Amino acid sequence: LTSQAATMRLGGVPNDIITNLNPFALIIFIPIFDKFVY
């Protein structure tokens, strides 16, 4: 997926920065699951 990102329009964003959406999503969703979903 890091290699896939490099072949797309980056708009000044490093191709290997996009993978950080994964931990960013976890930081947001863990409290939501703890407090609301479960």
All heavy atoms as atom14 arrays in JSON, in Angstrom:
{
  "sequence": "LTSQAATMRLGGVPNDIITNLNPFALIIFIPIFDKFVY",
  "atom14_mask": [
    [1, 1, 1, 1, 1, 1, 1, 1, 0, 0, 0, 0, 0, 0],
    [1, 1, 1, 1, 1, 1, 1, 0, 0, 0, 0, 0, 0, 0],
    [1, 1, 1, 1, 1, 1, 0, 0, 0, 0, 0, 0, 0, 0],
    [1, 1, 1, 1, 1, 1, 1, 1, 1, 0, 0, 0, 0, 0],
    [1, 1, 1, 1, 1, 0, 0, 0, 0, 0, 0, 0, 0, 0],
    [1, 1, 1, 1, 1, 0, 0, 0, 0, 0, 0, 0, 0, 0],
    [1, 1, 1, 1, 1, 1, 1, 0, 0, 0, 0, 0, 0, 0],
    [1, 1, 1, 1, 1, 1, 1, 1, 0, 0, 0, 0, 0, 0],
    [1, 1, 1, 1, 1, 1, 1, 1, 1, 1, 1, 0, 0, 0],
    [1, 1, 1, 1, 1, 1, 1, 1, 0, 0, 0, 0, 0, 0],
    [1, 1, 1, 1, 0, 0, 0, 0, 0, 0, 0, 0, 0, 0],
    [1, 1, 1, 1, 0, 0, 0, 0, 0, 0, 0, 0, 0, 0],
    [1, 1, 1, 1, 1, 1, 1, 0, 0, 0, 0, 0, 0, 0],
    [1, 1, 1, 1, 1, 1, 1, 0, 0, 0, 0, 0, 0, 0],
    [1, 1, 1, 1, 1, 1, 1, 1, 0, 0, 0, 0, 0, 0],
    [1, 1, 1, 1, 1, 1, 1, 1, 0, 0, 0, 0, 0, 0],
    [1, 1, 1, 1, 1, 1, 1, 1, 0, 0, 0, 0, 0, 0],
    [1, 1, 1, 1, 1, 1, 1, 1, 0, 0, 0, 0, 0, 0],
    [1, 1, 1, 1, 1, 1, 1, 0, 0, 0, 0, 0, 0, 0],
    [1, 1, 1, 1, 1, 1, 1, 1, 0, 0, 0, 0, 0, 0],
    [1, 1, 1, 1, 1, 1, 1, 1, 0, 0, 0, 0, 0, 0],
    [1, 1, 1, 1, 1, 1, 1, 1, 0, 0, 0, 0, 0, 0],
    [1, 1, 1, 1, 1, 1, 1, 0, 0, 0, 0, 0, 0, 0],
    [1, 1, 1, 1, 1, 1, 1, 1, 1, 1, 1, 0, 0, 0],
    [1, 1, 1, 1, 1, 0, 0, 0, 0, 0, 0, 0, 0, 0],
    [1, 1, 1, 1, 1, 1, 1, 1, 0, 0, 0, 0, 0, 0],
    [1, 1, 1, 1, 1, 1, 1, 1, 0, 0, 0, 0, 0, 0],
    [1, 1, 1, 1, 1, 1, 1, 1, 0, 0, 0, 0, 0, 0],
    [1, 1, 1, 1, 1, 1, 1, 1, 1, 1, 1, 0, 0, 0],
    [1, 1, 1, 1, 1, 1, 1, 1, 0, 0, 0, 0, 0, 0],
    [1, 1, 1, 1, 1, 1, 1, 0, 0, 0, 0, 0, 0, 0],
    [1, 1, 1, 1, 1, 1, 1, 1, 0, 0, 0, 0, 0, 0],
    [1, 1, 1, 1, 1, 1, 1, 1, 1, 1, 1, 0, 0, 0],
    [1, 1, 1, 1, 1, 1, 1, 1, 0, 0, 0, 0, 0, 0],
    [1, 1, 1, 1, 1, 1, 1, 1, 1, 0, 0, 0, 0, 0],
    [1, 1, 1, 1, 1, 1, 1, 1, 1, 1, 1, 0, 0, 0],
    [1, 1, 1, 1, 1, 1, 1, 0, 0, 0, 0, 0, 0, 0],
    [1, 1, 1, 1, 1, 1, 1, 1, 1, 1, 1, 1, 0, 0]
  ],
  "atom14_positions": [
    [[0.82, -1.21, 0.0], [0.0, 0.0, 0.0], [0.85, 1.26, 0.0], [0.46, 2.3, -0.54], [-0.95, -0.01, 1.2], [-2.15, -0.96, 1.06], [-2.93, -1.02, 2.35], [-3.06, -0.51, -0.09], [0.0, 0.0, 0.0], [0.0, 0.0, 0.0], [0.0, 0.0, 0.0], [0.0, 0.0, 0.0], [0.0, 0.0, 0.0], [0.0, 0.0, 0.0]],
    [[2.06, 1.19, 0.6], [2.99, 2.32, 0.53], [3.45, 2.53, -0.9], [3.54, 3.67, -1.38], [4.19, 2.07, 1.45], [3.74, 1.91, 2.79], [5.16, 3.24, 1.39], [0.0, 0.0, 0.0], [0.0, 0.0, 0.0], [0.0, 0.0, 0.0], [0.0, 0.0, 0.0], [0.0, 0.0, 0.0], [0.0, 0.0, 0.0], [0.0, 0.0, 0.0]],
    [[3.71, 1.44, -1.61], [4.11, 1.53, -3.02], [2.95, 2.04, -3.86], [3.14, 2.82, -4.8], [4.57, 0.16, -3.51], [5.68, -0.29, -2.78], [0.0, 0.0, 0.0], [0.0, 0.0, 0.0], [0.0, 0.0, 0.0], [0.0, 0.0, 0.0], [0.0, 0.0, 0.0], [0.0, 0.0, 0.0], [0.0, 0.0, 0.0], [0.0, 0.0, 0.0]],
    [[1.73, 1.59, -3.56], [0.55, 2.07, -4.29], [0.4, 3.58, -4.14], [0.1, 4.28, -5.11], [-0.7, 1.37, -3.76], [-1.98, 1.74, -4.5], [-3.22, 1.19, -3.82], [-3.64, 1.68, -2.78], [-3.82, 0.15, -4.4], [0.0, 0.0, 0.0], [0.0, 0.0, 0.0], [0.0, 0.0, 0.0], [0.0, 0.0, 0.0], [0.0, 0.0, 0.0]],
    [[0.62, 4.09, -2.94], [0.48, 5.53, -2.7], [1.44, 6.33, -3.57], [1.09, 7.42, -4.05], [0.72, 5.83, -1.22], [0.0, 0.0, 0.0], [0.0, 0.0, 0.0], [0.0, 0.0, 0.0], [0.0, 0.0, 0.0], [0.0, 0.0, 0.0], [0.0, 0.0, 0.0], [0.0, 0.0, 0.0], [0.0, 0.0, 0.0], [0.0, 0.0, 0.0]],
    [[2.65, 5.82, -3.78], [3.65, 6.55, -4.56], [3.21, 6.76, -6.0], [3.66, 7.72, -6.66], [4.98, 5.82, -4.52], [0.0, 0.0, 0.0], [0.0, 0.0, 0.0], [0.0, 0.0, 0.0], [0.0, 0.0, 0.0], [0.0, 0.0, 0.0], [0.0, 0.0, 0.0], [0.0, 0.0, 0.0], [0.0, 0.0, 0.0], [0.0, 0.0, 0.0]],
    [[2.34, 5.9, -6.52], [1.91, 6.0, -7.92], [0.7, 6.9, -8.1], [0.19, 7.04, -9.21], [1.58, 4.61, -8.48], [0.45, 4.06, -7.76], [2.77, 3.67, -8.34], [0.0, 0.0, 0.0], [0.0, 0.0, 0.0], [0.0, 0.0, 0.0], [0.0, 0.0, 0.0], [0.0, 0.0, 0.0], [0.0, 0.0, 0.0], [0.0, 0.0, 0.0]],
    [[0.22, 7.53, -7.01], [-0.96, 8.38, -7.05], [-0.59, 9.84, -6.84], [0.57, 10.17, -6.53], [-1.97, 7.91, -5.99], [-2.34, 6.44, -6.15], [-3.24, 5.77, -4.71], [-4.83, 6.55, -4.93], [0.0, 0.0, 0.0], [0.0, 0.0, 0.0], [0.0, 0.0, 0.0], [0.0, 0.0, 0.0], [0.0, 0.0, 0.0], [0.0, 0.0, 0.0]],
    [[-1.56, 10.75, -7.0], [-1.29, 12.17, -6.82], [-1.1, 12.46, -5.33], [-2.03, 12.35, -4.53], [-2.45, 13.01, -7.36], [-2.16, 14.51, -7.36], [-3.28, 15.33, -7.98], [-4.45, 15.43, -7.1], [-5.61, 14.84, -7.34], [-5.76, 14.08, -8.42], [-6.63, 14.98, -6.51], [0.0, 0.0, 0.0], [0.0, 0.0, 0.0], [0.0, 0.0, 0.0]],
    [[0.11, 12.84, -4.95], [0.46, 13.02, -3.54], [0.16, 14.41, -3.02], [-0.1, 14.59, -1.82], [1.94, 12.7, -3.32], [2.36, 11.25, -3.59], [3.87, 11.1, -3.48], [1.67, 10.3, -2.64], [0.0, 0.0, 0.0], [0.0, 0.0, 0.0], [0.0, 0.0, 0.0], [0.0, 0.0, 0.0], [0.0, 0.0, 0.0], [0.0, 0.0, 0.0]],
    [[0.25, 15.42, -3.87], [-0.05, 16.77, -3.42], [0.88, 17.28, -2.35], [0.47, 18.01, -1.44], [0.0, 0.0, 0.0], [0.0, 0.0, 0.0], [0.0, 0.0, 0.0], [0.0, 0.0, 0.0], [0.0, 0.0, 0.0], [0.0, 0.0, 0.0], [0.0, 0.0, 0.0], [0.0, 0.0, 0.0], [0.0, 0.0, 0.0], [0.0, 0.0, 0.0]],
    [[2.15, 16.88, -2.41], [3.13, 17.33, -1.44], [3.23, 16.47, -0.2], [4.05, 16.74, 0.69], [0.0, 0.0, 0.0], [0.0, 0.0, 0.0], [0.0, 0.0, 0.0], [0.0, 0.0, 0.0], [0.0, 0.0, 0.0], [0.0, 0.0, 0.0], [0.0, 0.0, 0.0], [0.0, 0.0, 0.0], [0.0, 0.0, 0.0], [0.0, 0.0, 0.0]],
    [[2.43, 15.42, -0.11], [2.45, 14.52, 1.05], [3.37, 13.33, 0.74], [3.22, 12.71, -0.32], [1.04, 14.02, 1.39], [1.08, 13.06, 2.57], [0.12, 15.19, 1.69], [0.0, 0.0, 0.0], [0.0, 0.0, 0.0], [0.0, 0.0, 0.0], [0.0, 0.0, 0.0], [0.0, 0.0, 0.0], [0.0, 0.0, 0.0], [0.0, 0.0, 0.0]],
    [[4.31, 12.98, 1.59], [5.15, 11.8, 1.33], [4.29, 10.54, 1.17], [3.3, 10.36, 1.88], [6.03, 11.71, 2.58], [6.05, 13.1, 3.13], [4.68, 13.67, 2.83], [0.0, 0.0, 0.0], [0.0, 0.0, 0.0], [0.0, 0.0, 0.0], [0.0, 0.0, 0.0], [0.0, 0.0, 0.0], [0.0, 0.0, 0.0], [0.0, 0.0, 0.0]],
    [[4.7, 9.67, 0.27], [3.89, 8.47, 0.02], [3.78, 7.58, 1.24], [2.78, 6.89, 1.45], [4.47, 7.67, -1.16], [5.8, 7.02, -0.83], [6.74, 7.69, -0.39], [5.9, 5.72, -1.06], [0.0, 0.0, 0.0], [0.0, 0.0, 0.0], [0.0, 0.0, 0.0], [0.0, 0.0, 0.0], [0.0, 0.0, 0.0], [0.0, 0.0, 0.0]],
    [[4.83, 7.57, 2.1], [4.8, 6.69, 3.25], [4.26, 7.38, 4.51], [4.41, 6.88, 5.61], [6.18, 6.08, 3.53], [7.32, 7.07, 3.38], [7.04, 8.27, 3.21], [8.48, 6.63, 3.44], [0.0, 0.0, 0.0], [0.0, 0.0, 0.0], [0.0, 0.0, 0.0], [0.0, 0.0, 0.0], [0.0, 0.0, 0.0], [0.0, 0.0, 0.0]],
    [[3.61, 8.56, 4.33], [2.92, 9.2, 5.45], [1.48, 8.73, 5.55], [0.86, 8.77, 6.6], [2.98, 10.74, 5.32], [2.81, 11.42, 6.69], [1.9, 11.26, 4.39], [4.0, 11.34, 7.57], [0.0, 0.0, 0.0], [0.0, 0.0, 0.0], [0.0, 0.0, 0.0], [0.0, 0.0, 0.0], [0.0, 0.0, 0.0], [0.0, 0.0, 0.0]],
    [[0.92, 8.28, 4.42], [-0.5, 7.93, 4.39], [-0.79, 6.73, 5.29], [-1.88, 6.63, 5.87], [-0.94, 7.61, 2.94], [-0.56, 8.78, 2.0], [-2.44, 7.37, 2.87], [-1.18, 10.1, 2.39], [0.0, 0.0, 0.0], [0.0, 0.0, 0.0], [0.0, 0.0, 0.0], [0.0, 0.0, 0.0], [0.0, 0.0, 0.0], [0.0, 0.0, 0.0]],
    [[0.18, 5.84, 5.44], [-0.04, 4.67, 6.28], [-0.36, 5.04, 7.73], [-0.93, 4.24, 8.48], [1.2, 3.75, 6.24], [0.92, 2.53, 6.94], [2.39, 4.42, 6.9], [0.0, 0.0, 0.0], [0.0, 0.0, 0.0], [0.0, 0.0, 0.0], [0.0, 0.0, 0.0], [0.0, 0.0, 0.0], [0.0, 0.0, 0.0], [0.0, 0.0, 0.0]],
    [[-0.05, 6.29, 8.12], [-0.33, 6.73, 9.48], [-1.81, 6.96, 9.74], [-2.21, 7.18, 10.88], [0.46, 8.0, 9.79], [1.95, 7.75, 9.87], [2.44, 7.21, 10.85], [2.67, 8.13, 8.83], [0.0, 0.0, 0.0], [0.0, 0.0, 0.0], [0.0, 0.0, 0.0], [0.0, 0.0, 0.0], [0.0, 0.0, 0.0], [0.0, 0.0, 0.0]],
    [[-2.61, 6.9, 8.71], [-4.05, 6.95, 8.92], [-4.5, 5.76, 9.76], [-5.52, 5.84, 10.46], [-4.78, 6.95, 7.58], [-4.71, 8.25, 6.77], [-5.27, 8.04, 5.37], [-5.44, 9.38, 7.49], [0.0, 0.0, 0.0], [0.0, 0.0, 0.0], [0.0, 0.0, 0.0], [0.0, 0.0, 0.0], [0.0, 0.0, 0.0], [0.0, 0.0, 0.0]],
    [[-3.76, 4.65, 9.69], [-4.12, 3.47, 10.47], [-3.99, 3.72, 11.98], [-4.97, 3.58, 12.72], [-3.3, 2.27, 10.03], [-3.48, 1.07, 10.92], [-2.62, 0.75, 11.74], [-4.6, 0.38, 10.78], [0.0, 0.0, 0.0], [0.0, 0.0, 0.0], [0.0, 0.0, 0.0], [0.0, 0.0, 0.0], [0.0, 0.0, 0.0], [0.0, 0.0, 0.0]],
    [[-2.81, 4.1, 12.5], [-2.74, 4.39, 13.93], [-3.6, 5.59, 14.33], [-4.13, 5.62, 15.45], [-1.26, 4.65, 14.18], [-0.68, 4.98, 12.86], [-1.47, 4.2, 11.87], [0.0, 0.0, 0.0], [0.0, 0.0, 0.0], [0.0, 0.0, 0.0], [0.0, 0.0, 0.0], [0.0, 0.0, 0.0], [0.0, 0.0, 0.0], [0.0, 0.0, 0.0]],
    [[-3.75, 6.56, 13.44], [-4.59, 7.72, 13.76], [-6.04, 7.27, 13.96], [-6.71, 7.72, 14.9], [-4.5, 8.73, 12.62], [-5.18, 10.04, 12.93], [-4.64, 10.91, 13.85], [-6.36, 10.39, 12.27], [-5.27, 12.11, 14.13], [-6.99, 11.59, 12.56], [-6.45, 12.46, 13.49], [0.0, 0.0, 0.0], [0.0, 0.0, 0.0], [0.0, 0.0, 0.0]],
    [[-6.52, 6.37, 13.11], [-7.88, 5.84, 13.26], [-8.02, 5.07, 14.57], [-9.05, 5.17, 15.26], [-8.23, 4.93, 12.08], [0.0, 0.0, 0.0], [0.0, 0.0, 0.0], [0.0, 0.0, 0.0], [0.0, 0.0, 0.0], [0.0, 0.0, 0.0], [0.0, 0.0, 0.0], [0.0, 0.0, 0.0], [0.0, 0.0, 0.0], [0.0, 0.0, 0.0]],
    [[-6.99, 4.31, 14.94], [-7.04, 3.55, 16.2], [-7.11, 4.48, 17.41], [-7.87, 4.23, 18.35], [-5.83, 2.63, 16.29], [-5.92, 1.35, 15.48], [-4.54, 0.77, 15.22], [-6.78, 0.34, 16.19], [0.0, 0.0, 0.0], [0.0, 0.0, 0.0], [0.0, 0.0, 0.0], [0.0, 0.0, 0.0], [0.0, 0.0, 0.0], [0.0, 0.0, 0.0]],
    [[-6.32, 5.55, 17.38], [-6.32, 6.49, 18.51], [-7.7, 7.11, 18.69], [-8.16, 7.36, 19.8], [-5.24, 7.57, 18.31], [-3.85, 6.93, 18.38], [-5.37, 8.69, 19.33], [-2.74, 7.84, 17.92], [0.0, 0.0, 0.0], [0.0, 0.0, 0.0], [0.0, 0.0, 0.0], [0.0, 0.0, 0.0], [0.0, 0.0, 0.0], [0.0, 0.0, 0.0]],
    [[-8.39, 7.36, 17.58], [-9.73, 7.95, 17.64], [-10.77, 6.92, 18.06], [-11.63, 7.17, 18.93], [-10.12, 8.56, 16.28], [-9.23, 9.77, 15.97], [-11.59, 8.95, 16.25], [-9.45, 10.34, 14.59], [0.0, 0.0, 0.0], [0.0, 0.0, 0.0], [0.0, 0.0, 0.0], [0.0, 0.0, 0.0], [0.0, 0.0, 0.0], [0.0, 0.0, 0.0]],
    [[-10.71, 5.72, 17.48], [-11.79, 4.76, 17.65], [-11.71, 3.95, 18.93], [-12.73, 3.45, 19.41], [-11.85, 3.82, 16.44], [-12.53, 4.41, 15.24], [-11.78, 4.78, 14.13], [-13.89, 4.61, 15.22], [-12.38, 5.34, 13.02], [-14.51, 5.17, 14.12], [-13.76, 5.55, 13.0], [0.0, 0.0, 0.0], [0.0, 0.0, 0.0], [0.0, 0.0, 0.0]],
    [[-10.53, 3.77, 19.51], [-10.43, 2.97, 20.75], [-11.29, 3.57, 21.87], [-12.07, 2.85, 22.5], [-8.96, 2.79, 21.17], [-8.31, 1.7, 20.31], [-8.86, 2.41, 22.64], [-6.83, 1.5, 20.56], [0.0, 0.0, 0.0], [0.0, 0.0, 0.0], [0.0, 0.0, 0.0], [0.0, 0.0, 0.0], [0.0, 0.0, 0.0], [0.0, 0.0, 0.0]],
    [[-11.19, 4.88, 22.17], [-12.08, 5.42, 23.2], [-13.56, 5.32, 22.83], [-14.42, 5.12, 23.7], [-11.64, 6.88, 23.31], [-10.25, 6.91, 22.79], [-10.22, 5.88, 21.71], [0.0, 0.0, 0.0], [0.0, 0.0, 0.0], [0.0, 0.0, 0.0], [0.0, 0.0, 0.0], [0.0, 0.0, 0.0], [0.0, 0.0, 0.0], [0.0, 0.0, 0.0]],
    [[-13.88, 5.45, 21.54], [-15.27, 5.34, 21.11], [-15.8, 3.94, 21.37], [-16.92, 3.76, 21.87], [-15.39, 5.71, 19.61], [-15.1, 7.2, 19.41], [-16.78, 5.35, 19.07], [-15.05, 7.62, 17.96], [0.0, 0.0, 0.0], [0.0, 0.0, 0.0], [0.0, 0.0, 0.0], [0.0, 0.0, 0.0], [0.0, 0.0, 0.0], [0.0, 0.0, 0.0]],
    [[-15.01, 2.93, 21.04], [-15.43, 1.55, 21.29], [-15.54, 1.27, 22.79], [-16.44, 0.57, 23.24], [-14.46, 0.57, 20.63], [-14.77, 0.28, 19.2], [-14.52, 1.21, 18.21], [-15.34, -0.93, 18.82], [-14.82, 0.95, 16.89], [-15.65, -1.21, 17.5], [-15.39, -0.25, 16.52], [0.0, 0.0, 0.0], [0.0, 0.0, 0.0], [0.0, 0.0, 0.0]],
    [[-14.62, 1.85, 23.56], [-14.61, 1.62, 25.0], [-15.82, 2.26, 25.68], [-16.42, 1.67, 26.59], [-13.31, 2.18, 25.59], [-13.24, 2.04, 27.09], [-13.65, 0.99, 27.6], [-12.77, 2.98, 27.75], [0.0, 0.0, 0.0], [0.0, 0.0, 0.0], [0.0, 0.0, 0.0], [0.0, 0.0, 0.0], [0.0, 0.0, 0.0], [0.0, 0.0, 0.0]],
    [[-16.18, 3.46, 25.23], [-17.22, 4.22, 25.92], [-18.62, 4.04, 25.33], [-19.62, 4.2, 26.05], [-16.87, 5.71, 25.89], [-15.59, 6.07, 26.65], [-15.77, 5.85, 28.13], [-14.53, 6.33, 28.89], [-14.68, 6.13, 30.35], [0.0, 0.0, 0.0], [0.0, 0.0, 0.0], [0.0, 0.0, 0.0], [0.0, 0.0, 0.0], [0.0, 0.0, 0.0]],
    [[-18.71, 3.73, 24.04], [-20.02, 3.71, 23.41], [-20.38, 2.4, 22.72], [-21.46, 1.86, 22.94], [-20.11, 4.86, 22.39], [-19.88, 6.21, 23.0], [-18.69, 6.89, 22.78], [-20.84, 6.81, 23.8], [-18.45, 8.14, 23.35], [-20.62, 8.05, 24.38], [-19.43, 8.71, 24.15], [0.0, 0.0, 0.0], [0.0, 0.0, 0.0], [0.0, 0.0, 0.0]],
    [[-19.48, 1.88, 21.87], [-19.84, 0.72, 21.05], [-20.08, -0.52, 21.91], [-21.15, -1.14, 21.85], [-18.75, 0.44, 19.99], [-19.09, -0.84, 19.21], [-18.63, 1.62, 19.04], [0.0, 0.0, 0.0], [0.0, 0.0, 0.0], [0.0, 0.0, 0.0], [0.0, 0.0, 0.0], [0.0, 0.0, 0.0], [0.0, 0.0, 0.0], [0.0, 0.0, 0.0]],
    [[-19.1, -0.91, 22.73], [-19.26, -2.11, 23.55], [-20.4, -1.98, 24.55], [-21.21, -2.9, 24.69], [-17.94, -2.44, 24.25], [-16.86, -2.98, 23.33], [-15.52, -2.85, 23.65], [-17.19, -3.62, 22.13], [-14.52, -3.35, 22.81], [-16.2, -4.11, 21.29], [-14.86, -3.97, 21.63], [-13.88, -4.46, 20.8], [0.0, 0.0, 0.0], [0.0, 0.0, 0.0]]
  ]
}
